[in-house]
Amino acid sequence: MSLRVVVPPHPLIAHWLAVLRDQETPSPLFATAMAELGRWLTYEAVRDWLPQRPVAVQTPLALTEGMVVDPSVPVLAVPVLRAGLGLWQGGQAVLPSARVAHVGLVRDERTGEADCYLDALPQRIGERVGVMVFDPMLATAGSLIQVLERLQARGVSGQRLRVITALAASSGLGTLGKRFPDLTVYTACVDPELDEAFRIVPGLGDAGDRLYGSQSPVFPAEAQP
């Protein structure tokens, strides 16, 4: 088994990634771009993943057969706080009936390691439940691995698990693949490296700060101490 990384060659995915990368993009547009990436990446991820069943459909002219998503197979969406909420906003348009369980992680900027401060995952996750994790960026993969380990402890792994991330670093994917070789990741792009502060290069900056406009420690930004 080896990690499967899918970078869909879709012009809208490329477009919204470029908007995210631009340092001049204001927070409202950044949020729109993140949601759009969440929408299109989720669309691609469920293409061969959501189970279907045949139904009889009566059109105005004749009876025919159609295919619908099987409602007996539930979906659990797991946004990784805080910027994962931006991706899930778009994903929710594709999976409106999914149950949502948040996981909150904060990363130590010195070590690059993440600590979990919120785990709202169900104590039991049924064997037929499909799980989709929305992680804003995959840098070292430390945060995502913590989430996946918590899911694994609840019996979730393999083909019923998918990961959506706006951007990934090749080194992080390597680390992830060693720990979870049967995983499938959907991302807009794979960047080549991390800097000394464990940030993806060229990347898009701090997704959470840019999403919520919290880059500056002073509010309003022009105010003087």
C-alpha atoms as a PDB file:
ATOM      1  CA  MET A   1       0.000   0.000   0.000  1.00  0.00           C
ATOM      2  CA  SER A   2       1.110   3.567  -0.609  1.00  0.00           C
ATOM      3  CA  LEU A   3      -0.400   6.951   0.160  1.00  0.00           C
ATOM      4  CA  ARG A   4      -2.668   8.179  -2.648  1.00  0.00           C
ATOM      5  CA  VAL A   5      -2.439  11.924  -3.259  1.00  0.00           C
ATOM      6  CA  VAL A   6      -4.898  13.425  -5.747  1.00  0.00           C
ATOM      7  CA  VAL A   7      -4.354  16.913  -7.206  1.00  0.00           C
ATOM      8  CA  PRO A   8      -7.396  17.440  -9.448  1.00  0.00           C
ATOM      9  CA  PRO A   9      -6.524  19.258 -12.713  1.00  0.00           C
ATOM     10  CA  HIS A  10      -9.508  21.562 -12.432  1.00  0.00           C
ATOM     11  CA  PRO A  11      -9.198  25.231 -13.545  1.00  0.00           C
ATOM     12  CA  LEU A  12     -11.383  26.484 -10.680  1.00  0.00           C
ATOM     13  CA  ILE A  13      -9.205  24.714  -8.113  1.00  0.00           C
ATOM     14  CA  ALA A  14      -6.104  26.314  -9.620  1.00  0.00           C
ATOM     15  CA  HIS A  15      -7.821  29.712  -9.707  1.00  0.00           C
ATOM     16  CA  TRP A  16      -8.913  29.716  -6.062  1.00  0.00           C
ATOM     17  CA  LEU A  17      -5.523  28.450  -4.906  1.00  0.00           C
ATOM     18  CA  ALA A  18      -3.865  31.408  -6.641  1.00  0.00           C
ATOM     19  CA  VAL A  19      -6.268  33.744  -4.810  1.00  0.00           C
ATOM     20  CA  LEU A  20      -5.346  32.099  -1.489  1.00  0.00           C
ATOM     21  CA  ARG A  21      -1.622  32.456  -2.157  1.00  0.00           C
ATOM     22  CA  ASP A  22      -1.752  36.181  -3.001  1.00  0.00           C
ATOM     23  CA  GLN A  23      -0.631  38.201   0.034  1.00  0.00           C
ATOM     24  CA  GLU A  24      -2.867  41.069  -1.078  1.00  0.00           C
ATOM     25  CA  THR A  25      -6.048  38.985  -0.844  1.00  0.00           C
ATOM     26  CA  PRO A  26      -8.263  40.470   1.933  1.00  0.00           C
ATOM     27  CA  SER A  27      -9.793  38.198   4.569  1.00  0.00           C
ATOM     28  CA  PRO A  28     -13.340  38.159   3.086  1.00  0.00           C
ATOM     29  CA  LEU A  29     -12.038  37.064  -0.324  1.00  0.00           C
ATOM     30  CA  PHE A  30      -9.603  34.642   1.334  1.00  0.00           C
ATOM     31  CA  ALA A  31     -12.574  33.033   3.098  1.00  0.00           C
ATOM     32  CA  THR A  32     -14.436  32.774  -0.207  1.00  0.00           C
ATOM     33  CA  ALA A  33     -11.415  31.155  -1.873  1.00  0.00           C
ATOM     34  CA  MET A  34     -11.009  28.659   0.981  1.00  0.00           C
ATOM     35  CA  ALA A  35     -14.685  27.726   0.809  1.00  0.00           C
ATOM     36  CA  GLU A  36     -14.518  27.313  -2.968  1.00  0.00           C
ATOM     37  CA  LEU A  37     -11.510  25.019  -2.654  1.00  0.00           C
ATOM     38  CA  GLY A  38     -13.405  23.048  -0.034  1.00  0.00           C
ATOM     39  CA  ARG A  39     -16.353  22.750  -2.391  1.00  0.00           C
ATOM     40  CA  TRP A  40     -14.424  21.595  -5.460  1.00  0.00           C
ATOM     41  CA  LEU A  41     -12.010  19.303  -3.618  1.00  0.00           C
ATOM     42  CA  THR A  42     -14.927  17.647  -1.824  1.00  0.00           C
ATOM     43  CA  TYR A  43     -16.728  17.258  -5.139  1.00  0.00           C
ATOM     44  CA  GLU A  44     -13.696  15.455  -6.542  1.00  0.00           C
ATOM     45  CA  ALA A  45     -13.213  13.348  -3.403  1.00  0.00           C
ATOM     46  CA  VAL A  46     -16.743  11.933  -3.389  1.00  0.00           C
ATOM     47  CA  ARG A  47     -16.743  11.117  -7.107  1.00  0.00           C
ATOM     48  CA  ASP A  48     -15.914   7.424  -6.543  1.00  0.00           C
ATOM     49  CA  TRP A  49     -16.551   7.328  -2.803  1.00  0.00           C
ATOM     50  CA  LEU A  50     -20.234   7.936  -2.061  1.00  0.00           C
ATOM     51  CA  PRO A  51     -22.306   4.746  -2.464  1.00  0.00           C
ATOM     52  CA  GLN A  52     -25.293   4.861  -4.789  1.00  0.00           C
ATOM     53  CA  ARG A  53     -28.464   2.845  -5.269  1.00  0.00           C
ATOM     54  CA  PRO A  54     -30.914   2.604  -8.186  1.00  0.00           C
ATOM     55  CA  VAL A  55     -34.396   4.091  -7.935  1.00  0.00           C
ATOM     56  CA  ALA A  56     -37.414   4.177 -10.216  1.00  0.00           C
ATOM     57  CA  VAL A  57     -38.193   7.703 -11.392  1.00  0.00           C
ATOM     58  CA  GLN A  58     -41.437   8.753 -13.049  1.00  0.00           C
ATOM     59  CA  THR A  59     -40.744  11.588 -15.478  1.00  0.00           C
ATOM     60  CA  PRO A  60     -43.585  13.595 -17.072  1.00  0.00           C
ATOM     61  CA  LEU A  61     -43.375  11.179 -20.016  1.00  0.00           C
ATOM     62  CA  ALA A  62     -42.255   7.754 -18.816  1.00  0.00           C
ATOM     63  CA  LEU A  63     -40.872   5.588 -16.038  1.00  0.00           C
ATOM     64  CA  THR A  64     -37.084   5.362 -15.987  1.00  0.00           C
ATOM     65  CA  GLU A  65     -34.267   4.303 -13.694  1.00  0.00           C
ATOM     66  CA  GLY A  66     -32.070   6.787 -11.833  1.00  0.00           C
ATOM     67  CA  MET A  67     -29.218   6.653  -9.333  1.00  0.00           C
ATOM     68  CA  VAL A  68     -29.236   8.414  -5.958  1.00  0.00           C
ATOM     69  CA  VAL A  69     -26.786   8.607  -3.077  1.00  0.00           C
ATOM     70  CA  ASP A  70     -27.544   5.793  -0.641  1.00  0.00           C
ATOM     71  CA  PRO A  71     -28.948   7.515   2.479  1.00  0.00           C
ATOM     72  CA  SER A  72     -28.317   4.435   4.611  1.00  0.00           C
ATOM     73  CA  VAL A  73     -24.547   5.121   4.552  1.00  0.00           C
ATOM     74  CA  PRO A  74     -23.906   8.169   6.794  1.00  0.00           C
ATOM     75  CA  VAL A  75     -21.023  10.634   6.439  1.00  0.00           C
ATOM     76  CA  LEU A  76     -19.064  12.271   9.266  1.00  0.00           C
ATOM     77  CA  ALA A  77     -17.214  15.518   8.474  1.00  0.00           C
ATOM     78  CA  VAL A  78     -14.272  16.412  10.739  1.00  0.00           C
ATOM     79  CA  PRO A  79     -13.072  20.028  10.364  1.00  0.00           C
ATOM     80  CA  VAL A  80      -9.716  20.627  12.068  1.00  0.00           C
ATOM     81  CA  LEU A  81     -10.002  23.928  13.941  1.00  0.00           C
ATOM     82  CA  ARG A  82      -9.672  26.610  13.230  1.00  0.00           C
ATOM     83  CA  ALA A  83      -9.063  27.107   9.521  1.00  0.00           C
ATOM     84  CA  GLY A  84     -10.568  23.738   8.660  1.00  0.00           C
ATOM     85  CA  LEU A  85     -13.922  25.442   9.152  1.00  0.00           C
ATOM     86  CA  GLY A  86     -13.194  27.515   6.054  1.00  0.00           C
ATOM     87  CA  LEU A  87     -12.723  24.391   3.935  1.00  0.00           C
ATOM     88  CA  TRP A  88     -15.774  22.708   5.435  1.00  0.00           C
ATOM     89  CA  GLN A  89     -17.956  25.714   4.584  1.00  0.00           C
ATOM     90  CA  GLY A  90     -17.528  24.727   0.944  1.00  0.00           C
ATOM     91  CA  GLY A  91     -17.640  21.004   1.612  1.00  0.00           C
ATOM     92  CA  GLN A  92     -20.972  21.397   3.380  1.00  0.00           C
ATOM     93  CA  ALA A  93     -22.544  22.490   0.100  1.00  0.00           C
ATOM     94  CA  VAL A  94     -21.619  19.072  -1.323  1.00  0.00           C
ATOM     95  CA  LEU A  95     -22.424  17.039   1.806  1.00  0.00           C
ATOM     96  CA  PRO A  96     -25.292  18.969   3.454  1.00  0.00           C
ATOM     97  CA  SER A  97     -26.527  15.970   5.453  1.00  0.00           C
ATOM     98  CA  ALA A  98     -23.184  15.053   6.998  1.00  0.00           C
ATOM     99  CA  ARG A  99     -22.799  15.063  10.753  1.00  0.00           C
ATOM    100  CA  VAL A 100     -20.012  17.372  11.935  1.00  0.00           C
ATOM    101  CA  ALA A 101     -17.459  16.652  14.682  1.00  0.00           C
ATOM    102  CA  HIS A 102     -14.779  19.257  15.401  1.00  0.00           C
ATOM    103  CA  VAL A 103     -11.196  18.589  16.456  1.00  0.00           C
ATOM    104  CA  GLY A 104      -9.138  21.532  17.722  1.00  0.00           C
ATOM    105  CA  LEU A 105      -5.349  21.602  17.550  1.00  0.00           C
ATOM    106  CA  VAL A 106      -2.822  24.341  18.279  1.00  0.00           C
ATOM    107  CA  ARG A 107       0.747  24.140  17.020  1.00  0.00           C
ATOM    108  CA  ASP A 108       3.850  25.172  18.933  1.00  0.00           C
ATOM    109  CA  GLU A 109       5.639  27.526  16.540  1.00  0.00           C
ATOM    110  CA  ARG A 110       9.045  26.601  17.994  1.00  0.00           C
ATOM    111  CA  THR A 111       8.793  22.828  17.735  1.00  0.00           C
ATOM    112  CA  GLY A 112       6.114  22.441  15.064  1.00  0.00           C
ATOM    113  CA  GLU A 113       4.272  19.958  17.302  1.00  0.00           C
ATOM    114  CA  ALA A 114       0.517  20.217  17.848  1.00  0.00           C
ATOM    115  CA  ASP A 115      -1.549  19.832  21.016  1.00  0.00           C
ATOM    116  CA  CYS A 116      -5.214  18.858  20.981  1.00  0.00           C
ATOM    117  CA  TYR A 117      -7.551  21.112  22.966  1.00  0.00           C
ATOM    118  CA  LEU A 118     -10.876  19.795  21.626  1.00  0.00           C
ATOM    119  CA  ASP A 119     -12.001  16.328  20.561  1.00  0.00           C
ATOM    120  CA  ALA A 120     -15.705  16.237  19.694  1.00  0.00           C
ATOM    121  CA  LEU A 121     -15.524  12.964  17.770  1.00  0.00           C
ATOM    122  CA  PRO A 122     -18.314  10.481  18.564  1.00  0.00           C
ATOM    123  CA  GLN A 123     -17.262   7.831  21.072  1.00  0.00           C
ATOM    124  CA  ARG A 124     -18.437   5.190  18.623  1.00  0.00           C
ATOM    125  CA  ILE A 125     -18.368   5.477  14.835  1.00  0.00           C
ATOM    126  CA  GLY A 126     -20.351   2.855  12.929  1.00  0.00           C
ATOM    127  CA  GLU A 127     -18.674   0.459  10.533  1.00  0.00           C
ATOM    128  CA  ARG A 128     -20.520   1.912   7.513  1.00  0.00           C
ATOM    129  CA  VAL A 129     -19.804   5.575   8.284  1.00  0.00           C
ATOM    130  CA  GLY A 130     -17.669   7.433   5.747  1.00  0.00           C
ATOM    131  CA  VAL A 131     -15.360  10.013   7.349  1.00  0.00           C
ATOM    132  CA  MET A 132     -13.943  13.096   5.653  1.00  0.00           C
ATOM    133  CA  VAL A 133     -11.302  15.207   7.435  1.00  0.00           C
ATOM    134  CA  PHE A 134     -10.940  18.887   6.484  1.00  0.00           C
ATOM    135  CA  ASP A 135      -7.418  20.025   7.405  1.00  0.00           C
ATOM    136  CA  PRO A 136      -6.528  23.480   6.009  1.00  0.00           C
ATOM    137  CA  MET A 137      -2.854  22.751   5.276  1.00  0.00           C
ATOM    138  CA  LEU A 138      -0.628  19.699   5.553  1.00  0.00           C
ATOM    139  CA  ALA A 139       2.854  20.901   6.512  1.00  0.00           C
ATOM    140  CA  THR A 140       4.644  18.473   8.867  1.00  0.00           C
ATOM    141  CA  ALA A 141       1.469  16.296   9.006  1.00  0.00           C
ATOM    142  CA  GLY A 142       1.700  16.277  12.808  1.00  0.00           C
ATOM    143  CA  SER A 143      -1.766  17.741  13.361  1.00  0.00           C
ATOM    144  CA  LEU A 144      -3.421  15.487  10.809  1.00  0.00           C
ATOM    145  CA  ILE A 145      -1.727  12.376  12.184  1.00  0.00           C
ATOM    146  CA  GLN A 146      -3.131  13.171  15.631  1.00  0.00           C
ATOM    147  CA  VAL A 147      -6.635  13.398  14.174  1.00  0.00           C
ATOM    148  CA  LEU A 148      -6.206  10.190  12.196  1.00  0.00           C
ATOM    149  CA  GLU A 149      -4.893   8.359  15.259  1.00  0.00           C
ATOM    150  CA  ARG A 150      -8.009   9.398  17.181  1.00  0.00           C
ATOM    151  CA  LEU A 151     -10.166   8.107  14.340  1.00  0.00           C
ATOM    152  CA  GLN A 152      -8.143   4.910  14.119  1.00  0.00           C
ATOM    153  CA  ALA A 153      -8.780   4.300  17.836  1.00  0.00           C
ATOM    154  CA  ARG A 154     -12.486   4.399  16.950  1.00  0.00           C
ATOM    155  CA  GLY A 155     -12.037   1.887  14.145  1.00  0.00           C
ATOM    156  CA  VAL A 156     -11.918   4.319  11.201  1.00  0.00           C
ATOM    157  CA  SER A 157      -9.225   3.815   8.557  1.00  0.00           C
ATOM    158  CA  GLY A 158      -8.699   2.715   4.977  1.00  0.00           C
ATOM    159  CA  GLN A 159     -11.073   3.336   2.108  1.00  0.00           C
ATOM    160  CA  ARG A 160     -13.876   4.850   4.175  1.00  0.00           C
ATOM    161  CA  LEU A 161     -11.618   7.765   5.134  1.00  0.00           C
ATOM    162  CA  ARG A 162     -10.688  10.743   2.964  1.00  0.00           C
ATOM    163  CA  VAL A 163      -8.674  13.908   3.709  1.00  0.00           C
ATOM    164  CA  ILE A 164      -9.285  17.330   2.145  1.00  0.00           C
ATOM    165  CA  THR A 165      -6.497  19.911   2.440  1.00  0.00           C
ATOM    166  CA  ALA A 166      -5.947  23.146   0.554  1.00  0.00           C
ATOM    167  CA  LEU A 167      -2.181  22.732   0.320  1.00  0.00           C
ATOM    168  CA  ALA A 168       0.375  20.051   1.209  1.00  0.00           C
ATOM    169  CA  ALA A 169       4.145  19.876   1.611  1.00  0.00           C
ATOM    170  CA  SER A 170       5.943  16.933   0.042  1.00  0.00           C
ATOM    171  CA  SER A 171       7.847  16.153   3.257  1.00  0.00           C
ATOM    172  CA  GLY A 172       4.620  16.102   5.265  1.00  0.00           C
ATOM    173  CA  LEU A 173       3.049  13.720   2.764  1.00  0.00           C
ATOM    174  CA  GLY A 174       6.082  11.460   3.133  1.00  0.00           C
ATOM    175  CA  THR A 175       5.647  11.390   6.906  1.00  0.00           C
ATOM    176  CA  LEU A 176       1.925  10.784   6.561  1.00  0.00           C
ATOM    177  CA  GLY A 177       2.422   7.945   4.080  1.00  0.00           C
ATOM    178  CA  LYS A 178       4.694   6.056   6.445  1.00  0.00           C
ATOM    179  CA  ARG A 179       2.086   6.178   9.196  1.00  0.00           C
ATOM    180  CA  PHE A 180      -1.085   5.777   7.103  1.00  0.00           C
ATOM    181  CA  PRO A 181      -0.174   4.144   3.775  1.00  0.00           C
ATOM    182  CA  ASP A 182      -3.779   3.287   2.885  1.00  0.00           C
ATOM    183  CA  LEU A 183      -4.999   6.906   3.042  1.00  0.00           C
ATOM    184  CA  THR A 184      -6.287   9.080   0.184  1.00  0.00           C
ATOM    185  CA  VAL A 185      -5.600  12.837   0.272  1.00  0.00           C
ATOM    186  CA  TYR A 186      -7.163  15.462  -2.000  1.00  0.00           C
ATOM    187  CA  THR A 187      -5.271  18.742  -2.278  1.00  0.00           C
ATOM    188  CA  ALA A 188      -5.004  21.724  -4.613  1.00  0.00           C
ATOM    189  CA  CYS A 189      -1.199  21.543  -4.836  1.00  0.00           C
ATOM    190  CA  VAL A 190       1.914  19.909  -3.388  1.00  0.00           C
ATOM    191  CA  ASP A 191       4.627  22.440  -2.485  1.00  0.00           C
ATOM    192  CA  PRO A 192       8.277  21.365  -2.360  1.00  0.00           C
ATOM    193  CA  GLU A 193       9.528  22.351   1.078  1.00  0.00           C
ATOM    194  CA  LEU A 194       9.161  23.699   4.605  1.00  0.00           C
ATOM    195  CA  ASP A 195      11.165  26.571   6.044  1.00  0.00           C
ATOM    196  CA  GLU A 196      12.902  26.593   9.433  1.00  0.00           C
ATOM    197  CA  ALA A 197       9.612  27.575  11.100  1.00  0.00           C
ATOM    198  CA  PHE A 198       7.821  24.533   9.570  1.00  0.00           C
ATOM    199  CA  ARG A 199       5.851  26.725   7.158  1.00  0.00           C
ATOM    200  CA  ILE A 200       5.016  25.518   3.653  1.00  0.00           C
ATOM    201  CA  VAL A 201       7.041  27.301   0.936  1.00  0.00           C
ATOM    202  CA  PRO A 202       5.857  29.010  -1.220  1.00  0.00           C
ATOM    203  CA  GLY A 203       2.663  28.266   0.678  1.00  0.00           C
ATOM    204  CA  LEU A 204      -0.014  30.803   1.513  1.00  0.00           C
ATOM    205  CA  GLY A 205       0.928  32.042   4.981  1.00  0.00           C
ATOM    206  CA  ASP A 206      -1.020  31.287   8.151  1.00  0.00           C
ATOM    207  CA  ALA A 207      -4.416  30.084   6.938  1.00  0.00           C
ATOM    208  CA  GLY A 208      -6.183  30.770  10.232  1.00  0.00           C
ATOM    209  CA  ASP A 209      -4.823  34.301  10.622  1.00  0.00           C
ATOM    210  CA  ARG A 210      -5.654  35.196   7.034  1.00  0.00           C
ATOM    211  CA  LEU A 211      -9.081  33.595   7.195  1.00  0.00           C
ATOM    212  CA  TYR A 212     -10.131  35.514  10.298  1.00  0.00           C
ATOM    213  CA  GLY A 213      -8.062  38.671   9.831  1.00  0.00           C
ATOM    214  CA  SER A 214      -6.011  38.079  12.979  1.00  0.00           C
ATOM    215  CA  GLN A 215      -2.527  38.618  11.521  1.00  0.00           C
ATOM    216  CA  SER A 216      -1.887  41.802  13.506  1.00  0.00           C
ATOM    217  CA  PRO A 217      -1.676  41.782  17.346  1.00  0.00           C
ATOM    218  CA  VAL A 218      -3.125  45.321  17.296  1.00  0.00           C
ATOM    219  CA  PHE A 219      -6.798  46.002  16.562  1.00  0.00           C
ATOM    220  CA  PRO A 220      -7.596  48.154  14.659  1.00  0.00           C
ATOM    221  CA  ALA A 221      -4.348  47.548  12.791  1.00  0.00           C
ATOM    222  CA  GLU A 222      -3.572  51.262  12.444  1.00  0.00           C
ATOM    223  CA  ALA A 223      -3.944  51.958  16.171  1.00  0.00           C
ATOM    224  CA  GLN A 224      -0.843  52.907  18.149  1.00  0.00           C
ATOM    225  CA  PRO A 225       0.005  51.325  21.517  1.00  0.00           C
END
